[in-house]
PDB file of N, CA and C in Angstrom:
ATOM      1  N   UNK A   1     102.485  -3.522 -41.147  1.00  0.00           N
ATOM      2  CA  UNK A   1     103.371  -2.484 -40.677  1.00  0.00           C
ATOM      3  C   UNK A   1     104.732  -2.609 -41.378  1.00  0.00           C
ATOM      4  N   UNK A   2     105.345  -3.771 -41.313  1.00  0.00           N
ATOM      5  CA  UNK A   2     106.638  -3.974 -41.947  1.00  0.00           C
ATOM      6  C   UNK A   2     106.496  -4.569 -43.343  1.00  0.00           C
ATOM      7  N   UNK A   3     105.330  -4.985 -43.694  1.00  0.00           N
ATOM      8  CA  UNK A   3     105.142  -5.634 -44.978  1.00  0.00           C
ATOM      9  C   UNK A   3     105.493  -7.104 -44.883  1.00  0.00           C
ATOM     10  N   UNK A   4     105.454  -7.779 -46.004  1.00  0.00           N
ATOM     11  CA  UNK A   4     105.773  -9.199 -45.989  1.00  0.00           C
ATOM     12  C   UNK A   4     107.262  -9.390 -46.263  1.00  0.00           C
ATOM     13  N   UNK A   5     107.814 -10.419 -45.652  1.00  0.00           N
ATOM     14  CA  UNK A   5     109.221 -10.742 -45.859  1.00  0.00           C
ATOM     15  C   UNK A   5     109.322 -11.772 -46.991  1.00  0.00           C
ATOM     16  N   UNK A   6     110.132 -11.462 -47.964  1.00  0.00           N
ATOM     17  CA  UNK A   6     110.347 -12.384 -49.066  1.00  0.00           C
ATOM     18  C   UNK A   6     111.605 -13.201 -48.838  1.00  0.00           C
ATOM     19  N   UNK A   7     111.950 -14.001 -49.823  1.00  0.00           N
ATOM     20  CA  UNK A   7     113.125 -14.870 -49.723  1.00  0.00           C
ATOM     21  C   UNK A   7     114.425 -14.074 -49.599  1.00  0.00           C
ATOM     22  N   UNK A   8     114.612 -12.981 -50.343  1.00  0.00           N
ATOM     23  CA  UNK A   8     115.869 -12.242 -50.196  1.00  0.00           C
ATOM     24  C   UNK A   8     116.047 -11.633 -48.799  1.00  0.00           C
ATOM     25  N   UNK A   9     114.963 -11.114 -48.232  1.00  0.00           N
ATOM     26  CA  UNK A   9     115.052 -10.525 -46.898  1.00  0.00           C
ATOM     27  C   UNK A   9     115.381 -11.571 -45.840  1.00  0.00           C
ATOM     28  N   UNK A  10     114.751 -12.745 -45.945  1.00  0.00           N
ATOM     29  CA  UNK A  10     115.011 -13.823 -44.987  1.00  0.00           C
ATOM     30  C   UNK A  10     116.441 -14.317 -45.123  1.00  0.00           C
ATOM     31  N   UNK A  11     116.961 -14.384 -46.365  1.00  0.00           N
ATOM     32  CA  UNK A  11     118.347 -14.812 -46.587  1.00  0.00           C
ATOM     33  C   UNK A  11     119.323 -13.816 -45.969  1.00  0.00           C
ATOM     34  N   UNK A  12     119.062 -12.533 -46.126  1.00  0.00           N
ATOM     35  CA  UNK A  12     119.937 -11.512 -45.545  1.00  0.00           C
ATOM     36  C   UNK A  12     119.919 -11.594 -44.020  1.00  0.00           C
ATOM     37  N   UNK A  13     118.744 -11.780 -43.426  1.00  0.00           N
ATOM     38  CA  UNK A  13     118.634 -11.919 -41.973  1.00  0.00           C
ATOM     39  C   UNK A  13     119.401 -13.151 -41.503  1.00  0.00           C
ATOM     40  N   UNK A  14     119.296 -14.253 -42.232  1.00  0.00           N
ATOM     41  CA  UNK A  14     120.023 -15.477 -41.881  1.00  0.00           C
ATOM     42  C   UNK A  14     121.526 -15.284 -41.937  1.00  0.00           C
ATOM     43  N   UNK A  15     122.022 -14.601 -42.972  1.00  0.00           N
ATOM     44  CA  UNK A  15     123.455 -14.356 -43.093  1.00  0.00           C
ATOM     45  C   UNK A  15     123.946 -13.486 -41.939  1.00  0.00           C
ATOM     46  N   UNK A  16     123.192 -12.464 -41.575  1.00  0.00           N
ATOM     47  CA  UNK A  16     123.581 -11.587 -40.465  1.00  0.00           C
ATOM     48  C   UNK A  16     123.624 -12.368 -39.157  1.00  0.00           C
ATOM     49  N   UNK A  17     122.657 -13.231 -38.935  1.00  0.00           N
ATOM     50  CA  UNK A  17     122.638 -14.043 -37.711  1.00  0.00           C
ATOM     51  C   UNK A  17     123.841 -14.974 -37.674  1.00  0.00           C
ATOM     52  N   UNK A  18     124.182 -15.572 -38.796  1.00  0.00           N
ATOM     53  CA  UNK A  18     125.344 -16.468 -38.850  1.00  0.00           C
ATOM     54  C   UNK A  18     126.632 -15.686 -38.586  1.00  0.00           C
ATOM     55  N   UNK A  19     126.722 -14.484 -39.127  1.00  0.00           N
ATOM     56  CA  UNK A  19     127.911 -13.664 -38.889  1.00  0.00           C
ATOM     57  C   UNK A  19     128.036 -13.258 -37.418  1.00  0.00           C
ATOM     58  N   UNK A  20     126.920 -12.986 -36.776  1.00  0.00           N
ATOM     59  CA  UNK A  20     126.954 -12.545 -35.371  1.00  0.00           C
ATOM     60  C   UNK A  20     127.259 -13.713 -34.439  1.00  0.00           C
ATOM     61  N   UNK A  21     126.531 -14.806 -34.571  1.00  0.00           N
ATOM     62  CA  UNK A  21     126.653 -15.913 -33.622  1.00  0.00           C
ATOM     63  C   UNK A  21     127.643 -16.985 -34.053  1.00  0.00           C
ATOM     64  N   UNK A  22     127.813 -17.189 -35.307  1.00  0.00           N
ATOM     65  CA  UNK A  22     128.686 -18.255 -35.781  1.00  0.00           C
ATOM     66  C   UNK A  22     127.918 -19.545 -35.980  1.00  0.00           C
ATOM     67  N   UNK A  23     128.478 -20.415 -36.816  1.00  0.00           N
ATOM     68  CA  UNK A  23     127.806 -21.663 -37.164  1.00  0.00           C
ATOM     69  C   UNK A  23     127.774 -22.618 -35.967  1.00  0.00           C
ATOM     70  N   UNK A  24     128.844 -22.653 -35.179  1.00  0.00           N
ATOM     71  CA  UNK A  24     128.912 -23.579 -34.048  1.00  0.00           C
ATOM     72  C   UNK A  24     127.831 -23.319 -33.015  1.00  0.00           C
ATOM     73  N   UNK A  25     127.622 -22.048 -32.683  1.00  0.00           N
ATOM     74  CA  UNK A  25     126.602 -21.734 -31.692  1.00  0.00           C
ATOM     75  C   UNK A  25     125.208 -21.987 -32.239  1.00  0.00           C
ATOM     76  N   UNK A  26     124.999 -21.739 -33.521  1.00  0.00           N
ATOM     77  CA  UNK A  26     123.674 -21.976 -34.099  1.00  0.00           C
ATOM     78  C   UNK A  26     123.346 -23.463 -34.134  1.00  0.00           C
ATOM     79  N   UNK A  27     124.330 -24.310 -34.436  1.00  0.00           N
ATOM     80  CA  UNK A  27     124.043 -25.742 -34.456  1.00  0.00           C
ATOM     81  C   UNK A  27     123.776 -26.246 -33.035  1.00  0.00           C
ATOM     82  N   UNK A  28     124.517 -25.736 -32.059  1.00  0.00           N
ATOM     83  CA  UNK A  28     124.262 -26.115 -30.662  1.00  0.00           C
ATOM     84  C   UNK A  28     122.902 -25.639 -30.198  1.00  0.00           C
ATOM     85  N   UNK A  29     122.523 -24.435 -30.636  1.00  0.00           N
ATOM     86  CA  UNK A  29     121.204 -23.902 -30.279  1.00  0.00           C
ATOM     87  C   UNK A  29     120.094 -24.745 -30.887  1.00  0.00           C
ATOM     88  N   UNK A  30     120.275 -25.153 -32.127  1.00  0.00           N
ATOM     89  CA  UNK A  30     119.274 -26.009 -32.781  1.00  0.00           C
ATOM     90  C   UNK A  30     119.147 -27.354 -32.092  1.00  0.00           C
ATOM     91  N   UNK A  31     120.293 -27.935 -31.695  1.00  0.00           N
ATOM     92  CA  UNK A  31     120.265 -29.227 -30.997  1.00  0.00           C
ATOM     93  C   UNK A  31     119.552 -29.098 -29.644  1.00  0.00           C
ATOM     94  N   UNK A  32     119.861 -28.027 -28.910  1.00  0.00           N
ATOM     95  CA  UNK A  32     119.214 -27.815 -27.611  1.00  0.00           C
ATOM     96  C   UNK A  32     117.719 -27.574 -27.757  1.00  0.00           C
ATOM     97  N   UNK A  33     117.338 -26.826 -28.767  1.00  0.00           N
ATOM     98  CA  UNK A  33     115.920 -26.558 -28.999  1.00  0.00           C
ATOM     99  C   UNK A  33     115.180 -27.844 -29.363  1.00  0.00           C
ATOM    100  N   UNK A  34     115.788 -28.673 -30.209  1.00  0.00           N
ATOM    101  CA  UNK A  34     115.159 -29.944 -30.581  1.00  0.00           C
ATOM    102  C   UNK A  34     114.996 -30.871 -29.401  1.00  0.00           C
ATOM    103  N   UNK A  35     116.020 -30.970 -28.535  1.00  0.00           N
ATOM    104  CA  UNK A  35     115.896 -31.857 -27.371  1.00  0.00           C
ATOM    105  C   UNK A  35     114.879 -31.314 -26.375  1.00  0.00           C
ATOM    106  N   UNK A  36     114.756 -30.001 -26.281  1.00  0.00           N
ATOM    107  CA  UNK A  36     113.752 -29.423 -25.381  1.00  0.00           C
ATOM    108  C   UNK A  36     112.343 -29.741 -25.852  1.00  0.00           C
ATOM    109  N   UNK A  37     112.119 -29.608 -27.159  1.00  0.00           N
ATOM    110  CA  UNK A  37     110.796 -29.923 -27.706  1.00  0.00           C
ATOM    111  C   UNK A  37     110.483 -31.399 -27.528  1.00  0.00           C
ATOM    112  N   UNK A  38     111.475 -32.249 -27.756  1.00  0.00           N
ATOM    113  CA  UNK A  38     111.290 -33.698 -27.589  1.00  0.00           C
ATOM    114  C   UNK A  38     110.932 -34.035 -26.140  1.00  0.00           C
ATOM    115  N   UNK A  39     111.648 -33.449 -25.184  1.00  0.00           N
ATOM    116  CA  UNK A  39     111.364 -33.696 -23.766  1.00  0.00           C
ATOM    117  C   UNK A  39     109.979 -33.181 -23.378  1.00  0.00           C
ATOM    118  N   UNK A  40     109.588 -32.031 -23.907  1.00  0.00           N
ATOM    119  CA  UNK A  40     108.261 -31.482 -23.612  1.00  0.00           C
ATOM    120  C   UNK A  40     107.164 -32.407 -24.131  1.00  0.00           C
ATOM    121  N   UNK A  41     107.311 -32.890 -25.352  1.00  0.00           N
ATOM    122  CA  UNK A  41     106.304 -33.798 -25.905  1.00  0.00           C
ATOM    123  C   UNK A  41     106.214 -35.083 -25.098  1.00  0.00           C
ATOM    124  N   UNK A  42     107.361 -35.616 -24.656  1.00  0.00           N
ATOM    125  CA  UNK A  42     107.371 -36.834 -23.849  1.00  0.00           C
ATOM    126  C   UNK A  42     106.656 -36.596 -22.509  1.00  0.00           C
ATOM    127  N   UNK A  43     106.894 -35.461 -21.893  1.00  0.00           N
ATOM    128  CA  UNK A  43     106.251 -35.155 -20.608  1.00  0.00           C
ATOM    129  C   UNK A  43     104.738 -35.025 -20.768  1.00  0.00           C
ATOM    130  N   UNK A  44     104.300 -34.387 -21.853  1.00  0.00           N
ATOM    131  CA  UNK A  44     102.855 -34.246 -22.088  1.00  0.00           C
ATOM    132  C   UNK A  44     102.234 -35.609 -22.346  1.00  0.00           C
ATOM    133  N   UNK A  45     102.904 -36.454 -23.121  1.00  0.00           N
ATOM    134  CA  UNK A  45     102.375 -37.782 -23.425  1.00  0.00           C
ATOM    135  C   UNK A  45     102.294 -38.638 -22.154  1.00  0.00           C
ATOM    136  N   UNK A  46     103.350 -38.587 -21.311  1.00  0.00           N
ATOM    137  CA  UNK A  46     103.339 -39.361 -20.071  1.00  0.00           C
ATOM    138  C   UNK A  46     102.264 -38.880 -19.113  1.00  0.00           C
ATOM    139  N   UNK A  47     102.031 -37.589 -19.085  1.00  0.00           N
ATOM    140  CA  UNK A  47     101.010 -37.045 -18.185  1.00  0.00           C
ATOM    141  C   UNK A  47      99.625 -37.479 -18.623  1.00  0.00           C
ATOM    142  N   UNK A  48      99.383 -37.525 -19.948  1.00  0.00           N
ATOM    143  CA  UNK A  48      98.080 -37.949 -20.453  1.00  0.00           C
ATOM    144  C   UNK A  48      97.850 -39.434 -20.215  1.00  0.00           C
ATOM    145  N   UNK A  49      98.897 -40.242 -20.217  1.00  0.00           N
ATOM    146  CA  UNK A  49      98.752 -41.683 -20.060  1.00  0.00           C
ATOM    147  C   UNK A  49      98.460 -42.083 -18.617  1.00  0.00           C
ATOM    148  N   UNK A  50      98.888 -41.298 -17.661  1.00  0.00           N
ATOM    149  CA  UNK A  50      98.686 -41.637 -16.251  1.00  0.00           C
ATOM    150  C   UNK A  50      97.247 -41.321 -15.848  1.00  0.00           C
ATOM    151  N   UNK A  51      96.648 -42.174 -15.001  1.00  0.00           N
ATOM    152  CA  UNK A  51      95.300 -41.871 -14.522  1.00  0.00           C
ATOM    153  C   UNK A  51      95.352 -40.668 -13.580  1.00  0.00           C
ATOM    154  N   UNK A  52      94.288 -39.911 -13.531  1.00  0.00           N
ATOM    155  CA  UNK A  52      94.291 -38.743 -12.654  1.00  0.00           C
ATOM    156  C   UNK A  52      94.425 -39.161 -11.189  1.00  0.00           C
ATOM    157  N   UNK A  53      95.275 -38.504 -10.482  1.00  0.00           N
ATOM    158  CA  UNK A  53      95.517 -38.823  -9.070  1.00  0.00           C
ATOM    159  C   UNK A  53      94.439 -38.175  -8.214  1.00  0.00           C
ATOM    160  N   UNK A  54      94.270 -38.732  -7.049  1.00  0.00           N
ATOM    161  CA  UNK A  54      93.312 -38.161  -6.107  1.00  0.00           C
ATOM    162  C   UNK A  54      93.781 -36.775  -5.693  1.00  0.00           C
ATOM    163  N   UNK A  55      92.875 -35.851  -5.727  1.00  0.00           N
ATOM    164  CA  UNK A  55      93.209 -34.501  -5.298  1.00  0.00           C
ATOM    165  C   UNK A  55      93.257 -34.486  -3.766  1.00  0.00           C
ATOM    166  N   UNK A  56      94.338 -33.978  -3.191  1.00  0.00           N
ATOM    167  CA  UNK A  56      94.381 -33.908  -1.729  1.00  0.00           C
ATOM    168  C   UNK A  56      93.342 -32.908  -1.230  1.00  0.00           C
ATOM    169  N   UNK A  57      92.678 -33.302  -0.163  1.00  0.00           N
ATOM    170  CA  UNK A  57      91.657 -32.433   0.379  1.00  0.00           C
ATOM    171  C   UNK A  57      92.317 -31.256   1.075  1.00  0.00           C
ATOM    172  N   UNK A  58      91.664 -30.136   0.971  1.00  0.00           N
ATOM    173  CA  UNK A  58      92.202 -28.928   1.585  1.00  0.00           C
ATOM    174  C   UNK A  58      92.098 -29.043   3.103  1.00  0.00           C
ATOM    175  N   UNK A  59      93.050 -28.476   3.776  1.00  0.00           N
ATOM    176  CA  UNK A  59      93.047 -28.489   5.242  1.00  0.00           C
ATOM    177  C   UNK A  59      91.877 -27.648   5.742  1.00  0.00           C
ATOM    178  N   UNK A  60      91.277 -28.047   6.837  1.00  0.00           N
ATOM    179  CA  UNK A  60      90.157 -27.260   7.354  1.00  0.00           C
ATOM    180  C   UNK A  60      90.655 -25.890   7.802  1.00  0.00           C
ATOM    181  N   UNK A  61      89.790 -24.905   7.722  1.00  0.00           N
ATOM    182  CA  UNK A  61      90.218 -23.565   8.128  1.00  0.00           C
ATOM    183  C   UNK A  61      90.526 -23.534   9.632  1.00  0.00           C
ATOM    184  N   UNK A  62      91.452 -22.673  10.037  1.00  0.00           N
ATOM    185  CA  UNK A  62      91.788 -22.612  11.458  1.00  0.00           C
ATOM    186  C   UNK A  62      90.602 -22.094  12.261  1.00  0.00           C
ATOM    187  N   UNK A  63      90.517 -22.498  13.526  1.00  0.00           N
ATOM    188  CA  UNK A  63      89.380 -22.032  14.337  1.00  0.00           C
ATOM    189  C   UNK A  63      89.465 -20.522  14.529  1.00  0.00           C
ATOM    190  N   UNK A  64      88.317 -19.880  14.622  1.00  0.00           N
ATOM    191  CA  UNK A  64      88.329 -18.428  14.805  1.00  0.00           C
ATOM    192  C   UNK A  64      88.934 -18.069  16.159  1.00  0.00           C
ATOM    193  N   UNK A  65      89.677 -16.988  16.172  1.00  0.00           N
ATOM    194  CA  UNK A  65      90.291 -16.536  17.404  1.00  0.00           C
ATOM    195  C   UNK A  65      89.513 -15.338  17.933  1.00  0.00           C
ATOM    196  N   UNK A  66      89.552 -15.198  19.249  1.00  0.00           N
ATOM    197  CA  UNK A  66      88.880 -14.059  19.864  1.00  0.00           C
ATOM    198  C   UNK A  66      89.638 -12.787  19.487  1.00  0.00           C
ATOM    199  N   UNK A  67      88.914 -11.704  19.212  1.00  0.00           N
ATOM    200  CA  UNK A  67      89.603 -10.466  18.857  1.00  0.00           C
ATOM    201  C   UNK A  67      90.409  -9.933  20.036  1.00  0.00           C
ATOM    202  N   UNK A  68      91.506  -9.277  19.729  1.00  0.00           N
ATOM    203  CA  UNK A  68      92.375  -8.730  20.771  1.00  0.00           C
ATOM    204  C   UNK A  68      91.754  -7.468  21.341  1.00  0.00           C
ATOM    205  N   UNK A  69      91.653  -7.425  22.643  1.00  0.00           N
ATOM    206  CA  UNK A  69      91.183  -6.214  23.319  1.00  0.00           C
ATOM    207  C   UNK A  69      92.320  -5.706  24.184  1.00  0.00           C
ATOM    208  N   UNK A  70      92.736  -4.472  23.997  1.00  0.00           N
ATOM    209  CA  UNK A  70      93.848  -3.950  24.790  1.00  0.00           C
ATOM    210  C   UNK A  70      93.434  -3.782  26.253  1.00  0.00           C
ATOM    211  N   UNK A  71      94.402  -3.881  27.151  1.00  0.00           N
ATOM    212  CA  UNK A  71      94.066  -3.720  28.569  1.00  0.00           C
ATOM    213  C   UNK A  71      93.656  -2.271  28.845  1.00  0.00           C
ATOM    214  N   UNK A  72      92.855  -2.054  29.869  1.00  0.00           N
ATOM    215  CA  UNK A  72      92.428  -0.686  30.174  1.00  0.00           C
ATOM    216  C   UNK A  72      93.626   0.136  30.660  1.00  0.00           C
ATOM    217  N   UNK A  73      93.577   1.456  30.465  1.00  0.00           N
ATOM    218  CA  UNK A  73      94.687   2.284  30.923  1.00  0.00           C
ATOM    219  C   UNK A  73      94.790   2.252  32.446  1.00  0.00           C
ATOM    220  N   UNK A  74      96.009   2.443  32.965  1.00  0.00           N
ATOM    221  CA  UNK A  74      96.159   2.405  34.422  1.00  0.00           C
ATOM    222  C   UNK A  74      95.419   3.570  35.070  1.00  0.00           C
ATOM    223  N   UNK A  75      94.888   3.304  36.233  1.00  0.00           N
ATOM    224  CA  UNK A  75      94.138   4.337  36.957  1.00  0.00           C
ATOM    225  C   UNK A  75      95.124   5.255  37.674  1.00  0.00           C
ATOM    226  N   UNK A  76      94.843   6.549  37.639  1.00  0.00           N
ATOM    227  CA  UNK A  76      95.678   7.520  38.334  1.00  0.00           C
ATOM    228  C   UNK A  76      95.001   7.921  39.632  1.00  0.00           C
ATOM    229  N   UNK A  77      95.786   8.291  40.624  1.00  0.00           N
ATOM    230  CA  UNK A  77      95.153   8.748  41.871  1.00  0.00           C
ATOM    231  C   UNK A  77      94.305   9.989  41.621  1.00  0.00           C
ATOM    232  N   UNK A  78      93.298  10.175  42.429  1.00  0.00           N
ATOM    233  CA  UNK A  78      92.371  11.295  42.268  1.00  0.00           C
ATOM    234  C   UNK A  78      93.118  12.615  42.414  1.00  0.00           C
ATOM    235  N   UNK A  79      92.840  13.559  41.565  1.00  0.00           N
ATOM    236  CA  UNK A  79      93.393  14.891  41.654  1.00  0.00           C
ATOM    237  C   UNK A  79      94.710  15.059  40.930  1.00  0.00           C
ATOM    238  N   UNK A  80      95.382  14.019  40.504  1.00  0.00           N
ATOM    239  CA  UNK A  80      96.668  14.175  39.822  1.00  0.00           C
ATOM    240  C   UNK A  80      96.512  14.141  38.307  1.00  0.00           C
ATOM    241  N   UNK A  81      95.373  13.790  37.788  1.00  0.00           N
ATOM    242  CA  UNK A  81      95.173  13.716  36.355  1.00  0.00           C
ATOM    243  C   UNK A  81      95.115  15.090  35.711  1.00  0.00           C
ATOM    244  N   UNK A  82      94.753  16.129  36.466  1.00  0.00           N
ATOM    245  CA  UNK A  82      94.633  17.463  35.893  1.00  0.00           C
ATOM    246  C   UNK A  82      95.977  18.190  35.881  1.00  0.00           C
ATOM    247  N   UNK A  83      96.905  17.792  36.726  1.00  0.00           N
ATOM    248  CA  UNK A  83      98.178  18.483  36.836  1.00  0.00           C
ATOM    249  C   UNK A  83      99.174  17.929  35.821  1.00  0.00           C
ATOM    250  N   UNK A  84      99.950  18.830  35.258  1.00  0.00           N
ATOM    251  CA  UNK A  84     101.007  18.424  34.343  1.00  0.00           C
ATOM    252  C   UNK A  84     102.327  18.530  35.064  1.00  0.00           C
ATOM    253  N   UNK A  85     103.232  17.663  34.787  1.00  0.00           N
ATOM    254  CA  UNK A  85     104.535  17.688  35.421  1.00  0.00           C
ATOM    255  C   UNK A  85     105.393  18.709  34.667  1.00  0.00           C
ATOM    256  N   UNK A  86     105.766  19.787  35.333  1.00  0.00           N
ATOM    257  CA  UNK A  86     106.535  20.826  34.678  1.00  0.00           C
ATOM    258  C   UNK A  86     108.039  20.589  34.836  1.00  0.00           C
ATOM    259  N   UNK A  87     108.408  19.555  35.545  1.00  0.00           N
ATOM    260  CA  UNK A  87     109.818  19.236  35.729  1.00  0.00           C
ATOM    261  C   UNK A  87     110.341  18.527  34.491  1.00  0.00           C
ATOM    262  N   UNK A  88     111.267  19.131  33.775  1.00  0.00           N
ATOM    263  CA  UNK A  88     111.789  18.553  32.565  1.00  0.00           C
ATOM    264  C   UNK A  88     112.809  17.475  32.865  1.00  0.00           C
ATOM    265  N   UNK A  89     113.651  17.715  33.877  1.00  0.00           N
ATOM    266  CA  UNK A  89     114.720  16.770  34.200  1.00  0.00           C
ATOM    267  C   UNK A  89     114.281  15.885  35.284  1.00  0.00           C
TER     268      UNK A  89
END
């Protein structure tokens, strides 16, 4: 898509990056990147050297609970269920 990058293109990109960020920030960025890679490699090496730990057993599943059943509706006196209350207030 973009083609291959040659030496002149890479040099121009490098000069632009130096102009934008400055030499001080680039050297600090390089130092931080190097220490991060070093720490990552040390962590991977230490993890490989340690024997595998016992896997903790999973907790047993909780006991099943009875399903919720709503209470039955309240009973109304006979003959009042058909009438509607027309009193608004």
